[in-house]
């Protein structure tokens, strides 16, 4: 039995739920379109929103389990002390990008709320869609930091096998 903890965390559940909903509404739209020559108006707007949630939720899971795409050749051939420096530089670069995304995403969501902007397709408040950007960026930042701490302590996940 594997000693690896399960990946069933809120971000993984959210990403899974987003994927399921995308599949269901897209399938429903295809069936309705081919049987009635009409389509659901909401599917594109919701699908794009859910795709963003899926992407950020999946990125959060990948950040926690050290499964982001990166060049590992240098990491594997460095002495432990230099490897820690590389881990720290990787983490700092991620922190800068995600902190900026969280900050400006929060400002954007607040402005959408204050301006009472409505979505072009369904006329729903835009902040409902936009609020997920800073929340999930912060989630990635937290997961990336957890992974960074684990890597510094030497608790790396087993290597991921990438098939080509």
C-alpha atoms as a PDB file:
ATOM      1  CA  UNK A   1       0.000   0.000   0.000  1.00  0.00           C
ATOM      2  CA  UNK A   2       1.222   3.479  -0.821  1.00  0.00           C
ATOM      3  CA  UNK A   3       2.301   5.777   1.989  1.00  0.00           C
ATOM      4  CA  UNK A   4       1.464   8.763  -0.182  1.00  0.00           C
ATOM      5  CA  UNK A   5      -1.467  10.835   1.119  1.00  0.00           C
ATOM      6  CA  UNK A   6      -4.545  11.002  -1.093  1.00  0.00           C
ATOM      7  CA  UNK A   7      -4.982  14.009  -3.358  1.00  0.00           C
ATOM      8  CA  UNK A   8      -8.583  14.597  -2.317  1.00  0.00           C
ATOM      9  CA  UNK A   9      -8.367  18.152  -1.149  1.00  0.00           C
ATOM     10  CA  UNK A  10     -10.796  21.023  -1.785  1.00  0.00           C
ATOM     11  CA  UNK A  11      -8.873  22.239  -4.830  1.00  0.00           C
ATOM     12  CA  UNK A  12      -8.884  18.737  -6.330  1.00  0.00           C
ATOM     13  CA  UNK A  13     -12.596  18.367  -5.649  1.00  0.00           C
ATOM     14  CA  UNK A  14     -13.283  21.762  -7.187  1.00  0.00           C
ATOM     15  CA  UNK A  15     -11.297  20.928 -10.335  1.00  0.00           C
ATOM     16  CA  UNK A  16     -13.041  17.552 -10.640  1.00  0.00           C
ATOM     17  CA  UNK A  17     -16.459  19.094 -10.158  1.00  0.00           C
ATOM     18  CA  UNK A  18     -15.701  21.767 -12.783  1.00  0.00           C
ATOM     19  CA  UNK A  19     -14.689  19.084 -15.295  1.00  0.00           C
ATOM     20  CA  UNK A  20     -17.824  17.032 -14.622  1.00  0.00           C
ATOM     21  CA  UNK A  21     -20.076  20.075 -15.044  1.00  0.00           C
ATOM     22  CA  UNK A  22     -18.315  21.086 -18.285  1.00  0.00           C
ATOM     23  CA  UNK A  23     -18.880  17.589 -19.659  1.00  0.00           C
ATOM     24  CA  UNK A  24     -22.534  17.472 -18.614  1.00  0.00           C
ATOM     25  CA  UNK A  25     -23.509  20.893 -19.967  1.00  0.00           C
ATOM     26  CA  UNK A  26     -21.556  20.374 -23.194  1.00  0.00           C
ATOM     27  CA  UNK A  27     -23.157  16.975 -23.759  1.00  0.00           C
ATOM     28  CA  UNK A  28     -26.568  18.415 -22.972  1.00  0.00           C
ATOM     29  CA  UNK A  29     -25.991  21.271 -25.390  1.00  0.00           C
ATOM     30  CA  UNK A  30     -24.937  18.895 -28.179  1.00  0.00           C
ATOM     31  CA  UNK A  31     -27.979  16.684 -27.661  1.00  0.00           C
ATOM     32  CA  UNK A  32     -30.374  19.639 -27.607  1.00  0.00           C
ATOM     33  CA  UNK A  33     -28.713  21.263 -30.624  1.00  0.00           C
ATOM     34  CA  UNK A  34     -29.000  18.122 -32.764  1.00  0.00           C
ATOM     35  CA  UNK A  35     -32.556  17.282 -31.716  1.00  0.00           C
ATOM     36  CA  UNK A  36     -34.088  20.774 -31.786  1.00  0.00           C
ATOM     37  CA  UNK A  37     -31.754  22.972 -33.900  1.00  0.00           C
ATOM     38  CA  UNK A  38     -31.440  25.301 -30.886  1.00  0.00           C
ATOM     39  CA  UNK A  39     -28.820  25.476 -28.173  1.00  0.00           C
ATOM     40  CA  UNK A  40     -28.527  26.487 -24.551  1.00  0.00           C
ATOM     41  CA  UNK A  41     -27.411  30.093 -24.235  1.00  0.00           C
ATOM     42  CA  UNK A  42     -25.529  29.640 -20.989  1.00  0.00           C
ATOM     43  CA  UNK A  43     -23.188  26.822 -21.982  1.00  0.00           C
ATOM     44  CA  UNK A  44     -20.364  28.871 -23.482  1.00  0.00           C
ATOM     45  CA  UNK A  45     -20.214  31.379 -20.640  1.00  0.00           C
ATOM     46  CA  UNK A  46     -20.300  28.690 -17.956  1.00  0.00           C
ATOM     47  CA  UNK A  47     -17.878  26.435 -19.829  1.00  0.00           C
ATOM     48  CA  UNK A  48     -15.254  29.176 -20.113  1.00  0.00           C
ATOM     49  CA  UNK A  49     -15.652  30.045 -16.429  1.00  0.00           C
ATOM     50  CA  UNK A  50     -15.457  26.404 -15.368  1.00  0.00           C
ATOM     51  CA  UNK A  51     -12.416  25.843 -17.575  1.00  0.00           C
ATOM     52  CA  UNK A  52     -10.604  28.609 -15.684  1.00  0.00           C
ATOM     53  CA  UNK A  53     -11.630  27.024 -12.356  1.00  0.00           C
ATOM     54  CA  UNK A  54     -10.465  23.636 -13.637  1.00  0.00           C
ATOM     55  CA  UNK A  55      -7.108  25.056 -14.734  1.00  0.00           C
ATOM     56  CA  UNK A  56      -6.382  26.872 -11.483  1.00  0.00           C
ATOM     57  CA  UNK A  57      -7.675  24.013  -9.315  1.00  0.00           C
ATOM     58  CA  UNK A  58      -5.535  21.516 -11.216  1.00  0.00           C
ATOM     59  CA  UNK A  59      -2.527  23.819 -10.973  1.00  0.00           C
ATOM     60  CA  UNK A  60      -3.039  23.978  -7.208  1.00  0.00           C
ATOM     61  CA  UNK A  61      -3.024  20.180  -6.948  1.00  0.00           C
ATOM     62  CA  UNK A  62       0.049  19.952  -9.188  1.00  0.00           C
ATOM     63  CA  UNK A  63       1.859  22.595  -7.127  1.00  0.00           C
ATOM     64  CA  UNK A  64       1.272  20.640  -3.930  1.00  0.00           C
ATOM     65  CA  UNK A  65       2.579  17.384  -5.345  1.00  0.00           C
ATOM     66  CA  UNK A  66       5.591  18.733  -7.214  1.00  0.00           C
ATOM     67  CA  UNK A  67       4.137  17.802 -10.589  1.00  0.00           C
ATOM     68  CA  UNK A  68       4.487  21.044 -12.517  1.00  0.00           C
ATOM     69  CA  UNK A  69       6.371  20.957 -15.763  1.00  0.00           C
ATOM     70  CA  UNK A  70       9.905  22.219 -15.287  1.00  0.00           C
ATOM     71  CA  UNK A  71      13.456  21.339 -16.163  1.00  0.00           C
ATOM     72  CA  UNK A  72      14.674  18.912 -13.513  1.00  0.00           C
ATOM     73  CA  UNK A  73      18.012  17.989 -15.058  1.00  0.00           C
ATOM     74  CA  UNK A  74      19.873  20.641 -13.093  1.00  0.00           C
ATOM     75  CA  UNK A  75      18.140  19.767  -9.816  1.00  0.00           C
ATOM     76  CA  UNK A  76      19.128  16.106  -9.962  1.00  0.00           C
ATOM     77  CA  UNK A  77      22.826  16.790 -10.516  1.00  0.00           C
ATOM     78  CA  UNK A  78      23.379  19.435  -7.853  1.00  0.00           C
ATOM     79  CA  UNK A  79      24.713  18.880  -4.364  1.00  0.00           C
ATOM     80  CA  UNK A  80      22.087  19.218  -1.605  1.00  0.00           C
ATOM     81  CA  UNK A  81      23.096  22.762  -0.648  1.00  0.00           C
ATOM     82  CA  UNK A  82      22.900  24.071  -4.215  1.00  0.00           C
ATOM     83  CA  UNK A  83      19.641  22.179  -4.726  1.00  0.00           C
ATOM     84  CA  UNK A  84      18.115  24.125  -1.823  1.00  0.00           C
ATOM     85  CA  UNK A  85      19.145  27.374  -3.506  1.00  0.00           C
ATOM     86  CA  UNK A  86      17.431  26.259  -6.728  1.00  0.00           C
ATOM     87  CA  UNK A  87      14.298  25.250  -4.790  1.00  0.00           C
ATOM     88  CA  UNK A  88      14.258  28.664  -3.123  1.00  0.00           C
ATOM     89  CA  UNK A  89      14.669  30.529  -6.416  1.00  0.00           C
ATOM     90  CA  UNK A  90      11.863  28.478  -7.983  1.00  0.00           C
ATOM     91  CA  UNK A  91       9.625  29.192  -5.022  1.00  0.00           C
ATOM     92  CA  UNK A  92      10.424  32.919  -5.015  1.00  0.00           C
ATOM     93  CA  UNK A  93       9.642  33.236  -8.726  1.00  0.00           C
ATOM     94  CA  UNK A  94       6.312  31.502  -8.170  1.00  0.00           C
ATOM     95  CA  UNK A  95       5.524  33.661  -5.147  1.00  0.00           C
ATOM     96  CA  UNK A  96       6.104  36.854  -7.124  1.00  0.00           C
ATOM     97  CA  UNK A  97       3.852  35.779  -9.999  1.00  0.00           C
ATOM     98  CA  UNK A  98       1.084  34.362  -7.817  1.00  0.00           C
ATOM     99  CA  UNK A  99       1.148  37.223  -5.323  1.00  0.00           C
ATOM    100  CA  UNK A 100       0.724  39.691  -8.177  1.00  0.00           C
ATOM    101  CA  UNK A 101      -2.066  37.587  -9.666  1.00  0.00           C
ATOM    102  CA  UNK A 102      -3.809  37.379  -6.298  1.00  0.00           C
ATOM    103  CA  UNK A 103      -3.426  41.110  -5.614  1.00  0.00           C
ATOM    104  CA  UNK A 104      -4.549  42.365  -9.004  1.00  0.00           C
ATOM    105  CA  UNK A 105      -7.223  39.676  -9.279  1.00  0.00           C
ATOM    106  CA  UNK A 106      -8.631  40.844  -5.950  1.00  0.00           C
ATOM    107  CA  UNK A 107      -8.630  44.456  -7.085  1.00  0.00           C
ATOM    108  CA  UNK A 108     -10.332  43.440 -10.332  1.00  0.00           C
ATOM    109  CA  UNK A 109     -13.004  41.407  -8.527  1.00  0.00           C
ATOM    110  CA  UNK A 110     -13.682  44.292  -6.130  1.00  0.00           C
ATOM    111  CA  UNK A 111     -14.012  46.734  -9.035  1.00  0.00           C
ATOM    112  CA  UNK A 112     -16.399  44.387 -10.848  1.00  0.00           C
ATOM    113  CA  UNK A 113     -18.481  44.193  -7.684  1.00  0.00           C
ATOM    114  CA  UNK A 114     -18.466  47.966  -7.134  1.00  0.00           C
ATOM    115  CA  UNK A 115     -19.267  48.747 -10.771  1.00  0.00           C
ATOM    116  CA  UNK A 116     -22.023  46.104 -10.838  1.00  0.00           C
ATOM    117  CA  UNK A 117     -20.743  44.841 -14.189  1.00  0.00           C
ATOM    118  CA  UNK A 118     -22.839  42.162 -15.838  1.00  0.00           C
ATOM    119  CA  UNK A 119     -21.670  39.303 -18.021  1.00  0.00           C
ATOM    120  CA  UNK A 120     -22.430  39.775 -21.731  1.00  0.00           C
ATOM    121  CA  UNK A 121     -24.144  36.425 -22.254  1.00  0.00           C
ATOM    122  CA  UNK A 122     -26.457  35.907 -19.324  1.00  0.00           C
ATOM    123  CA  UNK A 123     -26.317  39.225 -17.504  1.00  0.00           C
ATOM    124  CA  UNK A 124     -25.008  37.710 -14.273  1.00  0.00           C
ATOM    125  CA  UNK A 125     -22.751  39.815 -12.052  1.00  0.00           C
ATOM    126  CA  UNK A 126     -19.169  39.520 -13.339  1.00  0.00           C
ATOM    127  CA  UNK A 127     -17.665  39.391  -9.862  1.00  0.00           C
ATOM    128  CA  UNK A 128     -19.143  35.891  -9.457  1.00  0.00           C
ATOM    129  CA  UNK A 129     -16.818  34.717 -12.211  1.00  0.00           C
ATOM    130  CA  UNK A 130     -13.824  36.910 -11.354  1.00  0.00           C
ATOM    131  CA  UNK A 131     -13.631  36.218  -7.601  1.00  0.00           C
ATOM    132  CA  UNK A 132     -12.251  32.751  -8.324  1.00  0.00           C
ATOM    133  CA  UNK A 133      -9.054  34.166  -9.842  1.00  0.00           C
ATOM    134  CA  UNK A 134      -7.579  35.565  -6.599  1.00  0.00           C
ATOM    135  CA  UNK A 135      -8.972  32.727  -4.482  1.00  0.00           C
ATOM    136  CA  UNK A 136      -7.449  30.000  -6.613  1.00  0.00           C
ATOM    137  CA  UNK A 137      -4.212  31.946  -7.130  1.00  0.00           C
ATOM    138  CA  UNK A 138      -3.876  32.121  -3.354  1.00  0.00           C
ATOM    139  CA  UNK A 139      -4.593  28.394  -3.206  1.00  0.00           C
ATOM    140  CA  UNK A 140      -1.770  27.696  -5.655  1.00  0.00           C
ATOM    141  CA  UNK A 141       0.520  29.946  -3.601  1.00  0.00           C
ATOM    142  CA  UNK A 142      -0.301  28.040  -0.407  1.00  0.00           C
ATOM    143  CA  UNK A 143       0.144  24.631  -2.063  1.00  0.00           C
ATOM    144  CA  UNK A 144       3.399  25.721  -3.673  1.00  0.00           C
ATOM    145  CA  UNK A 145       4.685  26.866  -0.281  1.00  0.00           C
ATOM    146  CA  UNK A 146       3.696  23.543   1.305  1.00  0.00           C
ATOM    147  CA  UNK A 147       5.589  21.730  -1.451  1.00  0.00           C
ATOM    148  CA  UNK A 148       8.600  24.023  -1.005  1.00  0.00           C
ATOM    149  CA  UNK A 149       8.757  23.237   2.719  1.00  0.00           C
ATOM    150  CA  UNK A 150       8.501  19.517   2.000  1.00  0.00           C
ATOM    151  CA  UNK A 151      11.284  19.727  -0.575  1.00  0.00           C
ATOM    152  CA  UNK A 152      13.557  21.593   1.831  1.00  0.00           C
ATOM    153  CA  UNK A 153      12.936  18.888   4.440  1.00  0.00           C
ATOM    154  CA  UNK A 154      13.735  16.198   1.864  1.00  0.00           C
ATOM    155  CA  UNK A 155      10.171  14.866   1.685  1.00  0.00           C
ATOM    156  CA  UNK A 156       9.789  14.838  -2.079  1.00  0.00           C
ATOM    157  CA  UNK A 157       7.041  12.857  -3.771  1.00  0.00           C
ATOM    158  CA  UNK A 158       8.209   9.885  -5.781  1.00  0.00           C
ATOM    159  CA  UNK A 159       9.199  10.769  -9.297  1.00  0.00           C
ATOM    160  CA  UNK A 160       6.347  11.218 -11.697  1.00  0.00           C
ATOM    161  CA  UNK A 161       6.673   9.062 -14.778  1.00  0.00           C
ATOM    162  CA  UNK A 162       6.144  11.159 -17.881  1.00  0.00           C
ATOM    163  CA  UNK A 163       5.229   9.124 -20.930  1.00  0.00           C
ATOM    164  CA  UNK A 164       6.317  10.427 -24.294  1.00  0.00           C
END
